[in-house]
Amino acid sequence: MLMTSRTLRPPPIRRTIVQDSVCDICGNGEEDEYHVVISCTKSKAFRFAMRKEWRLPEEKEFWYTGTDWLQILLDKYDSEIRKIILLLLWRAWFLRDNCIHSDGKETISRSVMFLVQYEEEIRNLSLSVVGQGKTRVAGPCLHLCRHTTPRNQPNAEPNAQWKEPPEGVVKLNTDAAFLSGTGQA
């Protein structure tokens, strides 16, 4: 049997759960959710760059207070500052995911421009047109819900499955992996 170069190639690398918890970006510290969005050098650099555009809390406010660090941080501020903190953390997580799971080409400066434009677009949603099946948006709509009736159901209630959170409540979705054998995340 002839061996060709195709048969000698190693099998493709498959993504698996990482066995150590050291941050792959900075190499400093255990990679938990706090490290990823707050203490990693990339997240810190992103926060410093965003301070040129947004009114963010001082750096000393982003300290680890225990497992409920995010709730304690958000509890100190009004709803506008809470919203920008959540947008900031969301994009910091994206930067990490781009480095670890994608091509790693997303830059901090592009992420700053993206968030500034994104926040502006969100604010402009408050100018939604009323009529033709659309509902008026009362202020910034950070949850980006659809405000139109589906075309094939003109009398259907929009977003019948999803209920908007009450005033003063913020919803944050996250994604994580875990080892089912040990329950370790």
Protein backbone atom coordinates (compact mmCIF):
# COMPACT_ATOMS: atom_id res chain seq x y z
CA MET A 1 0.00 0.00 0.00
CA LEU A 2 1.38 3.40 -0.98
CA MET A 3 1.48 6.12 1.68
CA THR A 4 0.68 9.57 0.36
CA SER A 5 1.16 12.89 2.09
CA ARG A 6 -2.56 12.94 2.81
CA THR A 7 -2.42 9.83 4.95
CA LEU A 8 0.53 11.15 7.00
CA ARG A 9 -1.17 14.35 8.16
CA PRO A 10 -2.15 14.49 11.82
CA PRO A 11 -5.86 14.57 12.61
CA PRO A 12 -7.39 18.05 12.90
CA ILE A 13 -7.17 19.71 16.30
CA ARG A 14 -10.49 19.67 18.11
CA ARG A 15 -11.59 22.29 20.59
CA THR A 16 -11.75 20.98 24.12
CA ILE A 17 -12.19 22.38 27.59
CA VAL A 18 -8.92 23.87 28.81
CA GLN A 19 -7.44 22.00 31.76
CA ASP A 20 -5.69 24.93 33.47
CA SER A 21 -7.32 28.19 34.42
CA VAL A 22 -4.52 30.65 33.65
CA CYS A 23 -5.60 33.48 31.34
CA ASP A 24 -4.47 32.77 27.76
CA ILE A 25 -4.35 36.49 26.95
CA CYS A 26 -2.25 37.99 29.76
CA GLY A 27 -0.98 34.90 31.59
CA ASN A 28 -1.67 36.65 34.90
CA GLY A 29 -4.24 35.14 37.14
CA GLU A 30 -7.03 32.64 37.14
CA GLU A 31 -9.42 33.12 34.24
CA ASP A 32 -12.79 33.57 35.90
CA GLU A 33 -15.52 36.01 34.84
CA TYR A 34 -14.05 38.81 36.96
CA HIS A 35 -10.60 38.39 35.47
CA VAL A 36 -11.91 38.23 31.91
CA VAL A 37 -13.93 41.45 32.00
CA ILE A 38 -12.13 43.46 34.70
CA SER A 39 -8.56 42.52 35.66
CA CYS A 40 -7.12 41.09 32.41
CA THR A 41 -4.71 43.57 30.83
CA LYS A 42 -6.81 43.68 27.64
CA SER A 43 -9.99 44.52 29.58
CA LYS A 44 -8.16 47.20 31.56
CA ALA A 45 -6.78 48.77 28.39
CA PHE A 46 -10.27 48.71 26.88
CA ARG A 47 -11.73 50.42 29.96
CA PHE A 48 -9.05 53.14 29.87
CA ALA A 49 -9.76 53.74 26.17
CA MET A 50 -13.53 53.91 26.82
CA ARG A 51 -13.00 56.56 29.51
CA LYS A 52 -12.05 58.98 26.71
CA GLU A 53 -15.58 58.54 25.32
CA TRP A 54 -17.81 57.68 28.29
CA ARG A 55 -18.21 58.77 31.88
CA LEU A 56 -17.15 55.55 33.64
CA PRO A 57 -16.61 54.97 37.35
CA GLU A 58 -13.04 55.38 38.59
CA GLU A 59 -10.79 52.35 38.26
CA LYS A 60 -10.76 51.78 42.04
CA GLU A 61 -14.51 51.03 41.85
CA PHE A 62 -13.88 47.93 39.70
CA TRP A 63 -12.41 45.87 42.54
CA TYR A 64 -13.27 42.31 43.49
CA THR A 65 -15.65 42.21 46.46
CA GLY A 66 -16.48 38.50 46.30
CA THR A 67 -18.75 36.38 44.16
CA ASP A 68 -21.36 39.14 44.02
CA TRP A 69 -18.89 41.77 42.76
CA LEU A 70 -21.06 42.72 39.78
CA GLN A 71 -24.20 43.30 41.84
CA ILE A 72 -22.22 45.40 44.33
CA LEU A 73 -20.66 47.43 41.52
CA LEU A 74 -23.96 48.08 39.74
CA ASP A 75 -25.82 48.88 42.97
CA LYS A 76 -23.68 52.01 43.47
CA TYR A 77 -24.85 53.76 40.30
CA ASP A 78 -27.93 55.08 38.53
CA SER A 79 -29.50 53.24 35.61
CA GLU A 80 -27.54 55.14 32.93
CA ILE A 81 -24.14 54.25 34.44
CA ARG A 82 -25.32 50.67 34.99
CA LYS A 83 -26.22 50.39 31.31
CA ILE A 84 -22.84 51.59 30.10
CA ILE A 85 -21.02 49.32 32.59
CA LEU A 86 -22.95 46.34 31.23
CA LEU A 87 -22.22 47.35 27.63
CA LEU A 88 -18.55 47.73 28.55
CA LEU A 89 -18.40 44.28 30.17
CA TRP A 90 -20.28 42.73 27.24
CA ARG A 91 -17.74 44.10 24.77
CA ALA A 92 -14.78 43.14 27.00
CA TRP A 93 -16.11 39.57 26.93
CA PHE A 94 -16.33 39.79 23.14
CA LEU A 95 -12.69 40.92 22.93
CA ARG A 96 -11.66 37.91 25.00
CA ASP A 97 -13.74 35.52 22.88
CA ASN A 98 -12.23 36.97 19.70
CA CYS A 99 -8.70 36.31 21.02
CA ILE A 100 -9.43 32.80 22.30
CA HIS A 101 -11.98 31.37 19.87
CA SER A 102 -11.62 33.38 16.67
CA ASP A 103 -8.95 35.15 14.64
CA GLY A 104 -7.85 37.57 17.40
CA LYS A 105 -7.88 40.54 15.05
CA GLU A 106 -10.43 42.70 16.90
CA THR A 107 -8.66 45.76 18.28
CA ILE A 108 -9.43 47.87 21.31
CA SER A 109 -9.81 50.99 19.17
CA ARG A 110 -12.38 49.28 16.90
CA SER A 111 -14.25 48.06 19.96
CA VAL A 112 -14.32 51.61 21.33
CA MET A 113 -15.75 52.90 18.04
CA PHE A 114 -18.26 50.04 17.95
CA LEU A 115 -19.58 50.73 21.47
CA VAL A 116 -19.80 54.48 20.92
CA GLN A 117 -21.81 53.95 17.72
CA TYR A 118 -23.89 51.17 19.27
CA GLU A 119 -24.84 53.28 22.28
CA GLU A 120 -25.76 56.17 19.97
CA GLU A 121 -28.00 53.89 17.90
CA ILE A 122 -29.67 52.60 21.06
CA ARG A 123 -30.38 56.16 22.18
CA ASN A 124 -31.84 56.95 18.76
CA LEU A 125 -34.32 54.10 19.18
CA SER A 126 -36.28 56.42 21.45
CA LEU A 127 -37.28 58.29 18.30
CA SER A 128 -39.22 55.32 16.89
CA VAL A 129 -42.13 56.10 14.60
CA VAL A 130 -45.60 55.37 15.92
CA GLY A 131 -48.03 53.73 13.52
CA GLN A 132 -48.14 50.90 11.00
CA GLY A 133 -47.83 48.27 13.74
CA LYS A 134 -44.99 49.99 15.60
CA THR A 135 -44.97 50.88 19.26
CA ARG A 136 -43.41 53.98 20.74
CA VAL A 137 -40.21 53.35 22.72
CA ALA A 138 -40.12 55.21 26.01
CA GLY A 139 -36.44 56.21 26.25
CA PRO A 140 -33.34 54.19 25.44
CA CYS A 141 -34.20 50.58 24.65
CA LEU A 142 -31.05 48.76 25.72
CA HIS A 143 -32.65 45.34 25.47
CA LEU A 144 -33.08 45.90 21.69
CA CYS A 145 -36.48 44.30 21.51
CA ARG A 146 -38.41 44.29 18.23
CA HIS A 147 -41.26 46.78 18.21
CA THR A 148 -43.09 45.61 15.13
CA THR A 149 -45.95 43.21 14.62
CA PRO A 150 -44.97 40.16 12.54
CA ARG A 151 -46.03 40.67 8.91
CA ASN A 152 -47.93 37.40 8.65
CA GLN A 153 -49.92 38.09 11.86
CA PRO A 154 -51.14 41.70 11.72
CA ASN A 155 -53.12 41.49 14.97
CA ALA A 156 -50.64 39.39 16.95
CA GLU A 157 -49.12 40.77 20.11
CA PRO A 158 -45.46 41.60 19.40
CA ASN A 159 -42.94 39.55 21.42
CA ALA A 160 -45.64 37.43 23.05
CA GLN A 161 -42.99 35.04 24.41
CA TRP A 162 -40.67 37.68 25.85
CA LYS A 163 -41.71 40.15 28.54
CA GLU A 164 -39.82 43.40 28.99
CA PRO A 165 -38.24 43.61 32.45
CA PRO A 166 -39.78 46.11 34.87
CA GLU A 167 -38.26 49.57 35.23
CA GLY A 168 -35.00 49.47 37.18
CA VAL A 169 -34.23 45.82 36.34
CA VAL A 170 -31.35 44.87 34.04
CA LYS A 171 -31.06 41.46 32.38
CA LEU A 172 -27.60 40.04 31.68
CA ASN A 173 -27.12 36.79 29.74
CA THR A 174 -23.80 34.98 29.93
CA ASP A 175 -22.32 31.88 28.42
CA ALA A 176 -20.09 29.36 30.17
CA ALA A 177 -18.68 25.85 29.83
CA PHE A 178 -18.34 23.21 32.50
CA LEU A 179 -17.08 19.70 33.11
CA SER A 180 -20.15 17.55 33.71
CA GLY A 181 -18.12 14.95 35.63
CA THR A 182 -16.89 17.38 38.28
CA GLY A 183 -19.30 20.28 37.91
CA GLN A 184 -16.27 22.57 37.55
CA ALA A 185 -16.89 25.69 35.44
